[in-house]
N, C-alpha and C. Protein backbone atom coordinates (compact mmCIF):
# COMPACT_ATOMS: atom_id res chain seq x y z
N MET A 1 61.05 -115.67 203.25
CA MET A 1 62.46 -115.88 203.25
C MET A 1 62.82 -116.68 204.54
N ALA A 2 63.57 -117.78 204.44
CA ALA A 2 63.92 -118.59 205.50
C ALA A 2 65.04 -117.82 206.26
N LYS A 3 64.91 -117.96 207.62
CA LYS A 3 65.92 -117.41 208.50
C LYS A 3 67.00 -118.43 208.76
N SER A 4 68.23 -118.03 208.53
CA SER A 4 69.38 -118.88 208.78
C SER A 4 69.75 -118.92 210.16
N SER A 5 70.07 -120.07 210.66
CA SER A 5 70.51 -120.16 212.06
C SER A 5 72.05 -120.42 212.19
N SER A 6 72.73 -120.42 210.97
CA SER A 6 74.08 -120.66 210.88
C SER A 6 74.82 -119.43 211.36
N LYS A 7 75.75 -119.50 212.22
CA LYS A 7 76.56 -118.42 212.71
C LYS A 7 77.46 -117.91 211.53
N SER A 8 77.92 -118.74 210.65
CA SER A 8 78.77 -118.25 209.62
C SER A 8 77.95 -117.39 208.60
N SER A 9 76.74 -117.32 208.60
CA SER A 9 76.06 -116.49 207.59
C SER A 9 75.81 -115.09 208.11
N ARG A 10 76.17 -114.84 209.32
CA ARG A 10 76.09 -113.46 209.85
C ARG A 10 77.33 -112.71 209.61
N SER A 11 77.16 -111.38 209.55
CA SER A 11 78.29 -110.55 209.45
C SER A 11 78.08 -109.25 210.16
N ALA A 12 79.11 -108.61 210.48
CA ALA A 12 79.02 -107.28 211.22
C ALA A 12 78.52 -106.20 210.25
N PRO A 13 77.77 -105.24 210.73
CA PRO A 13 77.41 -104.12 209.88
C PRO A 13 78.60 -103.29 209.57
N ALA A 14 78.62 -102.76 208.36
CA ALA A 14 79.60 -101.79 207.92
C ALA A 14 79.23 -100.48 208.44
N ALA A 15 80.15 -99.46 208.30
CA ALA A 15 79.89 -98.00 208.70
C ALA A 15 78.59 -97.56 207.98
N SER A 16 78.34 -97.95 206.77
CA SER A 16 77.19 -97.42 206.04
C SER A 16 75.88 -98.16 206.37
N GLY A 17 76.01 -99.16 207.23
CA GLY A 17 74.85 -99.99 207.67
C GLY A 17 74.65 -101.21 206.76
N VAL A 18 75.44 -101.28 205.68
CA VAL A 18 75.27 -102.43 204.78
C VAL A 18 76.10 -103.57 205.29
N ARG A 19 75.70 -104.80 205.38
CA ARG A 19 76.47 -105.93 205.83
C ARG A 19 77.12 -106.57 204.64
N ALA A 20 78.41 -106.96 204.81
CA ALA A 20 78.99 -107.79 203.79
C ALA A 20 78.71 -109.25 204.16
N PRO A 21 78.40 -110.03 203.13
CA PRO A 21 78.10 -111.42 203.45
C PRO A 21 79.26 -112.14 204.08
N ALA A 22 79.04 -113.14 204.91
CA ALA A 22 80.15 -113.86 205.51
C ALA A 22 80.87 -114.70 204.39
N ILE A 23 82.14 -114.96 204.59
CA ILE A 23 82.85 -115.78 203.65
C ILE A 23 82.22 -117.26 203.50
N ASN A 24 81.92 -117.63 202.30
CA ASN A 24 81.41 -118.87 202.18
C ASN A 24 81.92 -119.52 200.95
N ILE A 25 83.21 -119.85 200.83
CA ILE A 25 83.82 -120.35 199.60
C ILE A 25 84.09 -121.86 199.62
N GLY A 26 83.44 -122.60 200.63
CA GLY A 26 83.59 -123.98 200.70
C GLY A 26 84.78 -124.46 201.46
N ILE A 27 85.48 -123.49 202.12
CA ILE A 27 86.57 -123.80 203.04
C ILE A 27 86.29 -123.36 204.44
N SER A 28 86.39 -124.26 205.45
CA SER A 28 86.01 -123.88 206.90
C SER A 28 86.85 -122.78 207.25
N GLU A 29 86.32 -122.02 208.28
CA GLU A 29 87.10 -120.88 208.87
C GLU A 29 88.36 -121.40 209.41
N LYS A 30 88.26 -122.50 210.05
CA LYS A 30 89.50 -123.12 210.78
C LYS A 30 90.58 -123.37 209.71
N ASP A 31 90.17 -123.94 208.57
CA ASP A 31 91.16 -124.23 207.45
C ASP A 31 91.61 -123.04 206.82
N ARG A 32 90.72 -122.02 206.64
CA ARG A 32 91.09 -120.75 205.95
C ARG A 32 92.21 -120.00 206.91
N ALA A 33 91.97 -120.12 208.24
CA ALA A 33 92.95 -119.43 209.10
C ALA A 33 94.23 -120.19 209.08
N ALA A 34 94.27 -121.45 209.13
CA ALA A 34 95.58 -122.13 209.12
C ALA A 34 96.27 -121.91 207.75
N ILE A 35 95.64 -121.99 206.65
CA ILE A 35 96.22 -121.68 205.41
C ILE A 35 96.73 -120.25 205.38
N ALA A 36 95.98 -119.29 205.83
CA ALA A 36 96.39 -117.87 205.85
C ALA A 36 97.71 -117.68 206.75
N ARG A 37 97.72 -118.43 207.91
CA ARG A 37 98.90 -118.38 208.79
C ARG A 37 100.15 -118.89 207.96
N GLY A 38 99.98 -119.91 207.32
CA GLY A 38 101.04 -120.51 206.38
C GLY A 38 101.42 -119.57 205.33
N LEU A 39 100.51 -118.96 204.68
CA LEU A 39 100.76 -118.01 203.59
C LEU A 39 101.45 -116.78 204.15
N SER A 40 101.11 -116.38 205.27
CA SER A 40 101.74 -115.18 205.99
C SER A 40 103.27 -115.45 206.16
N ARG A 41 103.60 -116.69 206.51
CA ARG A 41 105.03 -117.10 206.68
C ARG A 41 105.69 -117.05 205.26
N LEU A 42 104.96 -117.60 204.21
CA LEU A 42 105.44 -117.65 202.88
C LEU A 42 105.75 -116.15 202.36
N LEU A 43 104.77 -115.23 202.65
CA LEU A 43 104.91 -113.88 202.31
C LEU A 43 106.13 -113.21 203.01
N ALA A 44 106.30 -113.49 204.29
CA ALA A 44 107.40 -112.96 205.01
C ALA A 44 108.77 -113.55 204.44
N ASP A 45 108.79 -114.82 204.22
CA ASP A 45 110.06 -115.37 203.57
C ASP A 45 110.27 -114.77 202.24
N THR A 46 109.30 -114.71 201.42
CA THR A 46 109.44 -114.09 200.03
C THR A 46 109.99 -112.70 200.11
N TYR A 47 109.42 -111.84 200.98
CA TYR A 47 109.77 -110.44 201.12
C TYR A 47 111.21 -110.33 201.62
N THR A 48 111.51 -111.13 202.62
CA THR A 48 112.88 -111.09 203.16
C THR A 48 113.89 -111.47 202.11
N LEU A 49 113.59 -112.51 201.31
CA LEU A 49 114.49 -113.01 200.31
C LEU A 49 114.59 -111.92 199.21
N TYR A 50 113.44 -111.24 198.93
CA TYR A 50 113.50 -110.14 197.93
C TYR A 50 114.51 -109.10 198.44
N LEU A 51 114.41 -108.65 199.69
CA LEU A 51 115.25 -107.52 200.17
C LEU A 51 116.68 -107.98 200.03
N THR A 52 117.01 -109.25 200.49
CA THR A 52 118.35 -109.75 200.45
C THR A 52 118.91 -109.82 199.02
N THR A 53 118.08 -110.27 198.10
CA THR A 53 118.50 -110.30 196.67
C THR A 53 118.74 -108.96 196.12
N HIS A 54 117.84 -107.96 196.40
CA HIS A 54 118.13 -106.62 196.01
C HIS A 54 119.37 -105.97 196.50
N ASN A 55 119.53 -106.32 197.86
CA ASN A 55 120.72 -105.75 198.54
C ASN A 55 122.04 -106.34 197.83
N PHE A 56 121.96 -107.58 197.53
CA PHE A 56 123.11 -108.19 196.80
C PHE A 56 123.26 -107.60 195.37
N HIS A 57 122.27 -107.33 194.68
CA HIS A 57 122.34 -106.76 193.41
C HIS A 57 123.04 -105.38 193.48
N TRP A 58 122.69 -104.60 194.53
CA TRP A 58 123.41 -103.24 194.68
C TRP A 58 124.82 -103.45 195.04
N ASN A 59 125.14 -104.52 195.85
CA ASN A 59 126.57 -104.56 196.50
C ASN A 59 127.49 -105.61 195.91
N VAL A 60 127.10 -106.32 194.92
CA VAL A 60 127.95 -107.41 194.44
C VAL A 60 129.16 -106.67 193.72
N THR A 61 130.31 -107.23 193.88
CA THR A 61 131.59 -106.77 193.28
C THR A 61 132.39 -107.95 192.77
N GLY A 62 133.41 -107.74 192.08
CA GLY A 62 134.32 -108.77 191.67
C GLY A 62 134.16 -109.19 190.19
N PRO A 63 135.00 -110.17 189.81
CA PRO A 63 135.01 -110.53 188.33
C PRO A 63 133.63 -111.03 187.76
N MET A 64 132.74 -111.41 188.62
CA MET A 64 131.40 -111.99 188.13
C MET A 64 130.37 -110.80 188.26
N PHE A 65 130.75 -109.59 188.43
CA PHE A 65 129.87 -108.45 188.64
C PHE A 65 128.69 -108.49 187.71
N ASN A 66 129.00 -108.34 186.42
CA ASN A 66 127.95 -108.20 185.31
C ASN A 66 126.98 -109.34 185.44
N THR A 67 127.49 -110.57 185.46
CA THR A 67 126.58 -111.72 185.49
C THR A 67 125.73 -111.73 186.73
N LEU A 68 126.27 -111.60 187.87
CA LEU A 68 125.52 -111.62 189.12
C LEU A 68 124.64 -110.49 189.26
N HIS A 69 125.00 -109.32 188.91
CA HIS A 69 124.19 -108.05 188.94
C HIS A 69 122.99 -108.22 188.17
N THR A 70 123.14 -108.77 186.94
CA THR A 70 121.93 -109.00 186.02
C THR A 70 121.14 -110.17 186.57
N MET A 71 121.67 -111.22 187.04
CA MET A 71 120.98 -112.32 187.61
C MET A 71 120.17 -111.98 188.77
N PHE A 72 120.78 -111.28 189.66
CA PHE A 72 120.11 -110.82 190.95
C PHE A 72 118.90 -109.83 190.58
N MET A 73 119.02 -109.04 189.57
CA MET A 73 117.91 -108.14 189.21
C MET A 73 116.82 -108.95 188.71
N THR A 74 117.06 -109.97 187.87
CA THR A 74 116.01 -110.86 187.32
C THR A 74 115.25 -111.59 188.60
N GLN A 75 116.10 -112.01 189.52
CA GLN A 75 115.61 -112.79 190.73
C GLN A 75 114.79 -111.85 191.65
N TYR A 76 115.34 -110.66 191.95
CA TYR A 76 114.54 -109.72 192.85
C TYR A 76 113.23 -109.35 192.19
N THR A 77 113.22 -109.10 190.88
CA THR A 77 112.01 -108.64 190.15
C THR A 77 111.00 -109.78 190.28
N GLU A 78 111.44 -110.97 190.05
CA GLU A 78 110.46 -112.18 190.16
C GLU A 78 109.93 -112.21 191.59
N LEU A 79 110.77 -112.03 192.66
CA LEU A 79 110.32 -112.01 193.98
C LEU A 79 109.31 -110.92 194.34
N TRP A 80 109.60 -109.77 193.85
CA TRP A 80 108.85 -108.63 194.01
C TRP A 80 107.40 -108.90 193.47
N ASN A 81 107.40 -109.43 192.28
CA ASN A 81 106.08 -109.83 191.58
C ASN A 81 105.35 -110.93 192.35
N ALA A 82 106.01 -111.70 193.04
CA ALA A 82 105.40 -112.80 193.72
C ALA A 82 104.70 -112.43 195.05
N VAL A 83 105.07 -111.34 195.71
CA VAL A 83 104.52 -110.97 197.01
C VAL A 83 102.97 -110.58 196.91
N ASP A 84 102.65 -109.96 195.85
CA ASP A 84 101.24 -109.47 195.75
C ASP A 84 100.29 -110.66 195.63
N PRO A 85 100.51 -111.64 194.76
CA PRO A 85 99.56 -112.82 194.78
C PRO A 85 99.42 -113.55 196.04
N VAL A 86 100.63 -113.62 196.74
CA VAL A 86 100.51 -114.34 198.04
C VAL A 86 99.64 -113.49 199.09
N ALA A 87 99.93 -112.16 199.09
CA ALA A 87 99.13 -111.28 200.03
C ALA A 87 97.70 -111.32 199.66
N GLU A 88 97.38 -111.31 198.34
CA GLU A 88 95.95 -111.20 197.90
C GLU A 88 95.22 -112.55 198.11
N ARG A 89 96.01 -113.68 198.13
CA ARG A 89 95.33 -114.98 198.45
C ARG A 89 95.05 -115.07 199.99
N ILE A 90 95.86 -114.43 200.81
CA ILE A 90 95.59 -114.30 202.30
C ILE A 90 94.21 -113.47 202.39
N ARG A 91 94.16 -112.44 201.76
CA ARG A 91 92.96 -111.52 201.80
C ARG A 91 91.77 -112.32 201.34
N SER A 92 91.93 -113.00 200.21
CA SER A 92 90.84 -113.79 199.68
C SER A 92 90.29 -114.85 200.67
N LEU A 93 91.17 -115.31 201.60
CA LEU A 93 90.72 -116.31 202.55
C LEU A 93 90.07 -115.62 203.80
N GLY A 94 90.05 -114.27 203.77
CA GLY A 94 89.42 -113.52 204.80
C GLY A 94 90.28 -113.06 205.97
N HIS A 95 91.56 -112.98 205.68
CA HIS A 95 92.49 -112.66 206.75
C HIS A 95 93.42 -111.45 206.34
N ALA A 96 93.86 -110.66 207.25
CA ALA A 96 94.75 -109.62 206.93
C ALA A 96 96.19 -110.17 206.57
N ALA A 97 96.78 -109.52 205.59
CA ALA A 97 98.13 -109.92 205.13
C ALA A 97 99.10 -109.16 206.05
N PRO A 98 100.17 -109.72 206.52
CA PRO A 98 101.13 -109.04 207.23
C PRO A 98 101.87 -107.98 206.26
N GLY A 99 102.33 -106.94 206.74
CA GLY A 99 102.98 -105.95 205.88
C GLY A 99 103.93 -105.09 206.55
N SER A 100 104.51 -105.40 207.69
CA SER A 100 105.54 -104.61 208.34
C SER A 100 106.79 -105.34 208.50
N TYR A 101 107.81 -104.62 208.56
CA TYR A 101 109.07 -105.32 208.87
C TYR A 101 109.10 -106.06 210.12
N ALA A 102 108.44 -105.47 211.16
CA ALA A 102 108.41 -106.26 212.53
C ALA A 102 107.61 -107.53 212.27
N GLN A 103 106.49 -107.48 211.62
CA GLN A 103 105.71 -108.72 211.30
C GLN A 103 106.49 -109.78 210.51
N PHE A 104 107.17 -109.26 209.44
CA PHE A 104 108.01 -110.16 208.63
C PHE A 104 109.10 -110.79 209.39
N GLY A 105 109.74 -109.98 210.26
CA GLY A 105 110.85 -110.45 211.12
C GLY A 105 110.45 -111.59 212.05
N LYS A 106 109.19 -111.56 212.53
CA LYS A 106 108.58 -112.62 213.43
C LYS A 106 108.25 -113.86 212.71
N LEU A 107 107.83 -113.68 211.46
CA LEU A 107 107.24 -114.74 210.62
C LEU A 107 108.25 -115.41 209.72
N ALA A 108 109.31 -114.80 209.36
CA ALA A 108 110.23 -115.34 208.33
C ALA A 108 111.14 -116.44 208.89
N SER A 109 111.38 -117.42 207.99
CA SER A 109 112.34 -118.40 208.37
C SER A 109 113.69 -118.06 207.70
N VAL A 110 113.66 -117.15 206.65
CA VAL A 110 114.87 -116.74 205.90
C VAL A 110 115.42 -115.62 206.74
N PRO A 111 116.86 -115.78 207.06
CA PRO A 111 117.50 -114.75 207.87
C PRO A 111 117.63 -113.44 207.02
N ASP A 112 117.76 -112.31 207.73
CA ASP A 112 117.92 -111.07 207.12
C ASP A 112 119.30 -111.04 206.45
N ALA A 113 119.56 -110.07 205.51
CA ALA A 113 120.88 -110.00 204.81
C ALA A 113 121.99 -109.58 205.87
N PRO A 114 123.14 -110.07 205.67
CA PRO A 114 124.18 -109.69 206.57
C PRO A 114 124.41 -108.20 206.49
N PRO A 115 124.87 -107.60 207.63
CA PRO A 115 124.97 -106.16 207.66
C PRO A 115 126.15 -105.66 206.73
N THR A 116 127.13 -106.47 206.59
CA THR A 116 128.18 -106.11 205.68
C THR A 116 128.12 -107.02 204.52
N PRO A 117 128.07 -106.46 203.24
CA PRO A 117 127.88 -107.36 202.10
C PRO A 117 129.01 -108.33 201.92
N PRO A 118 128.69 -109.61 201.82
CA PRO A 118 129.70 -110.63 201.58
C PRO A 118 130.35 -110.61 200.22
N LYS A 119 131.33 -111.55 200.04
CA LYS A 119 131.81 -111.62 198.66
C LYS A 119 130.82 -112.30 197.78
N ALA A 120 131.08 -112.15 196.47
CA ALA A 120 130.05 -112.56 195.45
C ALA A 120 129.60 -113.98 195.67
N LEU A 121 130.53 -115.02 195.78
CA LEU A 121 130.09 -116.38 195.87
C LEU A 121 129.39 -116.67 197.10
N GLU A 122 129.80 -115.92 198.34
CA GLU A 122 128.99 -116.20 199.49
C GLU A 122 127.56 -115.51 199.35
N MET A 123 127.43 -114.48 198.54
CA MET A 123 126.09 -114.02 198.22
C MET A 123 125.31 -115.15 197.54
N VAL A 124 125.87 -115.76 196.58
CA VAL A 124 125.19 -116.88 195.92
C VAL A 124 124.74 -118.00 196.91
N ARG A 125 125.71 -118.37 197.75
CA ARG A 125 125.48 -119.47 198.67
C ARG A 125 124.26 -119.04 199.63
N ILE A 126 124.27 -117.87 200.10
CA ILE A 126 123.10 -117.29 201.04
C ILE A 126 121.83 -117.38 200.21
N LEU A 127 121.86 -117.02 198.91
CA LEU A 127 120.59 -116.96 198.21
C LEU A 127 120.12 -118.44 197.87
N VAL A 128 121.02 -119.37 197.64
CA VAL A 128 120.70 -120.76 197.57
C VAL A 128 119.92 -121.22 198.84
N GLN A 129 120.45 -120.89 199.95
CA GLN A 129 119.70 -121.36 201.27
C GLN A 129 118.47 -120.63 201.35
N GLY A 130 118.36 -119.34 200.98
CA GLY A 130 117.16 -118.59 201.06
C GLY A 130 116.13 -119.14 200.20
N HIS A 131 116.34 -119.58 198.95
CA HIS A 131 115.36 -120.09 198.03
C HIS A 131 114.96 -121.47 198.49
N GLU A 132 115.81 -122.23 199.13
CA GLU A 132 115.52 -123.55 199.69
C GLU A 132 114.58 -123.42 200.88
N ALA A 133 114.92 -122.36 201.69
CA ALA A 133 114.09 -122.08 202.86
C ALA A 133 112.64 -121.75 202.44
N VAL A 134 112.53 -120.86 201.41
CA VAL A 134 111.15 -120.53 200.97
C VAL A 134 110.39 -121.75 200.39
N ALA A 135 111.14 -122.47 199.70
CA ALA A 135 110.56 -123.83 199.13
C ALA A 135 110.02 -124.68 200.27
N ARG A 136 110.81 -124.76 201.34
CA ARG A 136 110.35 -125.61 202.51
C ARG A 136 109.02 -125.02 203.06
N THR A 137 109.00 -123.65 203.24
CA THR A 137 107.89 -122.95 203.81
C THR A 137 106.62 -123.33 202.87
N ALA A 138 106.78 -123.17 201.59
CA ALA A 138 105.69 -123.40 200.73
C ALA A 138 105.31 -124.89 200.76
N ARG A 139 106.09 -125.73 200.83
CA ARG A 139 105.86 -127.22 200.86
C ARG A 139 104.98 -127.52 202.20
N GLU A 140 105.44 -126.92 203.30
CA GLU A 140 104.68 -127.16 204.52
C GLU A 140 103.31 -126.77 204.52
N ILE A 141 102.88 -125.83 203.65
CA ILE A 141 101.47 -125.35 203.58
C ILE A 141 100.65 -126.31 202.65
N PHE A 142 101.31 -126.89 201.75
CA PHE A 142 100.59 -127.63 200.67
C PHE A 142 99.66 -128.66 201.27
N PRO A 143 100.02 -129.48 202.27
CA PRO A 143 99.04 -130.43 202.82
C PRO A 143 97.79 -129.77 203.40
N LEU A 144 97.88 -128.59 203.98
CA LEU A 144 96.79 -127.86 204.44
C LEU A 144 95.84 -127.46 203.36
N ALA A 145 96.47 -126.90 202.34
CA ALA A 145 95.52 -126.49 201.20
C ALA A 145 94.95 -127.69 200.45
N ASP A 146 95.69 -128.79 200.33
CA ASP A 146 95.16 -130.03 199.71
C ASP A 146 94.03 -130.61 200.46
N LYS A 147 94.24 -130.64 201.77
CA LYS A 147 93.25 -131.32 202.59
C LYS A 147 91.95 -130.49 202.58
N ALA A 148 92.05 -129.14 202.51
CA ALA A 148 90.89 -128.25 202.53
C ALA A 148 90.30 -128.07 201.16
N GLY A 149 90.88 -128.67 200.12
CA GLY A 149 90.27 -128.55 198.72
C GLY A 149 90.55 -127.11 198.27
N ASP A 150 91.71 -126.50 198.75
CA ASP A 150 91.92 -125.14 198.38
C ASP A 150 92.83 -125.11 197.11
N GLU A 151 92.22 -125.26 195.92
CA GLU A 151 92.98 -125.42 194.71
C GLU A 151 93.68 -124.10 194.37
N PRO A 152 93.18 -122.93 194.54
CA PRO A 152 93.91 -121.72 194.20
C PRO A 152 95.25 -121.52 195.05
N THR A 153 95.11 -121.92 196.32
CA THR A 153 96.36 -121.94 197.12
C THR A 153 97.36 -122.92 196.66
N ALA A 154 96.84 -124.21 196.37
CA ALA A 154 97.74 -125.21 196.02
C ALA A 154 98.44 -124.88 194.69
N ASP A 155 97.62 -124.17 193.76
CA ASP A 155 98.28 -123.78 192.50
C ASP A 155 99.35 -122.76 192.72
N LEU A 156 99.08 -121.75 193.60
CA LEU A 156 100.04 -120.73 193.99
C LEU A 156 101.33 -121.35 194.52
N LEU A 157 101.07 -122.26 195.39
CA LEU A 157 102.24 -123.00 196.08
C LEU A 157 103.01 -123.75 195.07
N THR A 158 102.37 -124.44 194.15
CA THR A 158 103.09 -125.14 193.06
C THR A 158 103.93 -124.21 192.20
N GLN A 159 103.37 -123.13 191.83
CA GLN A 159 104.13 -122.08 191.08
C GLN A 159 105.45 -121.60 191.85
N ARG A 160 105.16 -121.37 193.13
CA ARG A 160 106.28 -120.83 193.95
C ARG A 160 107.38 -121.93 194.14
N LEU A 161 106.86 -123.16 194.37
CA LEU A 161 107.89 -124.21 194.53
C LEU A 161 108.76 -124.38 193.26
N THR A 162 108.18 -124.32 192.10
CA THR A 162 108.83 -124.39 190.88
C THR A 162 109.94 -123.28 190.70
N VAL A 163 109.51 -122.03 191.04
CA VAL A 163 110.48 -121.04 190.91
C VAL A 163 111.70 -121.11 191.86
N HIS A 164 111.32 -121.39 193.10
CA HIS A 164 112.38 -121.42 194.15
C HIS A 164 113.40 -122.72 194.04
N GLU A 165 112.84 -123.84 193.63
CA GLU A 165 113.70 -124.99 193.43
C GLU A 165 114.59 -124.81 192.19
N GLN A 166 114.01 -124.17 191.15
CA GLN A 166 114.81 -123.97 189.93
C GLN A 166 115.86 -122.93 190.19
N THR A 167 115.45 -121.81 190.94
CA THR A 167 116.48 -120.75 191.19
C THR A 167 117.60 -121.21 192.03
N ALA A 168 117.23 -122.06 193.12
CA ALA A 168 118.32 -122.61 193.98
C ALA A 168 119.19 -123.49 193.12
N TRP A 169 118.72 -124.31 192.17
CA TRP A 169 119.50 -125.16 191.41
C TRP A 169 120.45 -124.29 190.56
N MET A 170 119.94 -123.20 189.85
CA MET A 170 120.76 -122.39 189.05
C MET A 170 121.87 -121.76 189.80
N LEU A 171 121.55 -121.20 190.95
CA LEU A 171 122.57 -120.60 191.93
C LEU A 171 123.59 -121.55 192.37
N ARG A 172 123.06 -122.79 192.78
CA ARG A 172 124.02 -123.84 193.26
C ARG A 172 124.97 -124.24 192.21
N SER A 173 124.57 -124.19 190.96
CA SER A 173 125.41 -124.53 189.83
C SER A 173 126.61 -123.58 189.73
N LEU A 174 126.44 -122.33 190.13
CA LEU A 174 127.63 -121.39 190.05
C LEU A 174 128.63 -121.81 191.22
N LEU A 175 128.36 -122.51 192.13
CA LEU A 175 129.20 -122.89 193.17
C LEU A 175 130.00 -124.10 193.01
N GLU A 176 129.61 -124.87 192.01
CA GLU A 176 130.28 -126.15 191.74
C GLU A 176 131.50 -125.90 190.89
N GLU A 177 132.48 -126.68 191.14
CA GLU A 177 133.72 -126.49 190.41
C GLU A 177 133.92 -127.67 189.40
């Protein structure tokens, strides 16, 4: 058996003495780290927008209550279902996914929900801005994934861009007169 001199083929011994093979998926460690950092920001943005949308679902009032309450539930459910694939892609790249409010607060470009629930149409405006911010974050990562030949991340980003751009458009339509 030939001995490998490549540093990337080595791995640390596990507690059981069995070594996990080094990650060798055809993407360099440098590129995997850069993509994982970008995806961590996407995860933080998505989770923050999820929390804001769920908050607005609970606290919406006024003549559009039924419509917005139902719409916000559909949106926060979609966002909740989106966080796991993003986190698991980070893990697939060999990095830990952020998972605390403190980490998300440092990474997110989406602002936290206002402490006092705003009026219904202000909620809609805030969510338009949130979805557009998440789309911008996803779009910033795309060139990294493309350059590295990371098709699974590129596919994930394309899916997220589609959802956020369409949701922003639908919400924005509620604000037009």
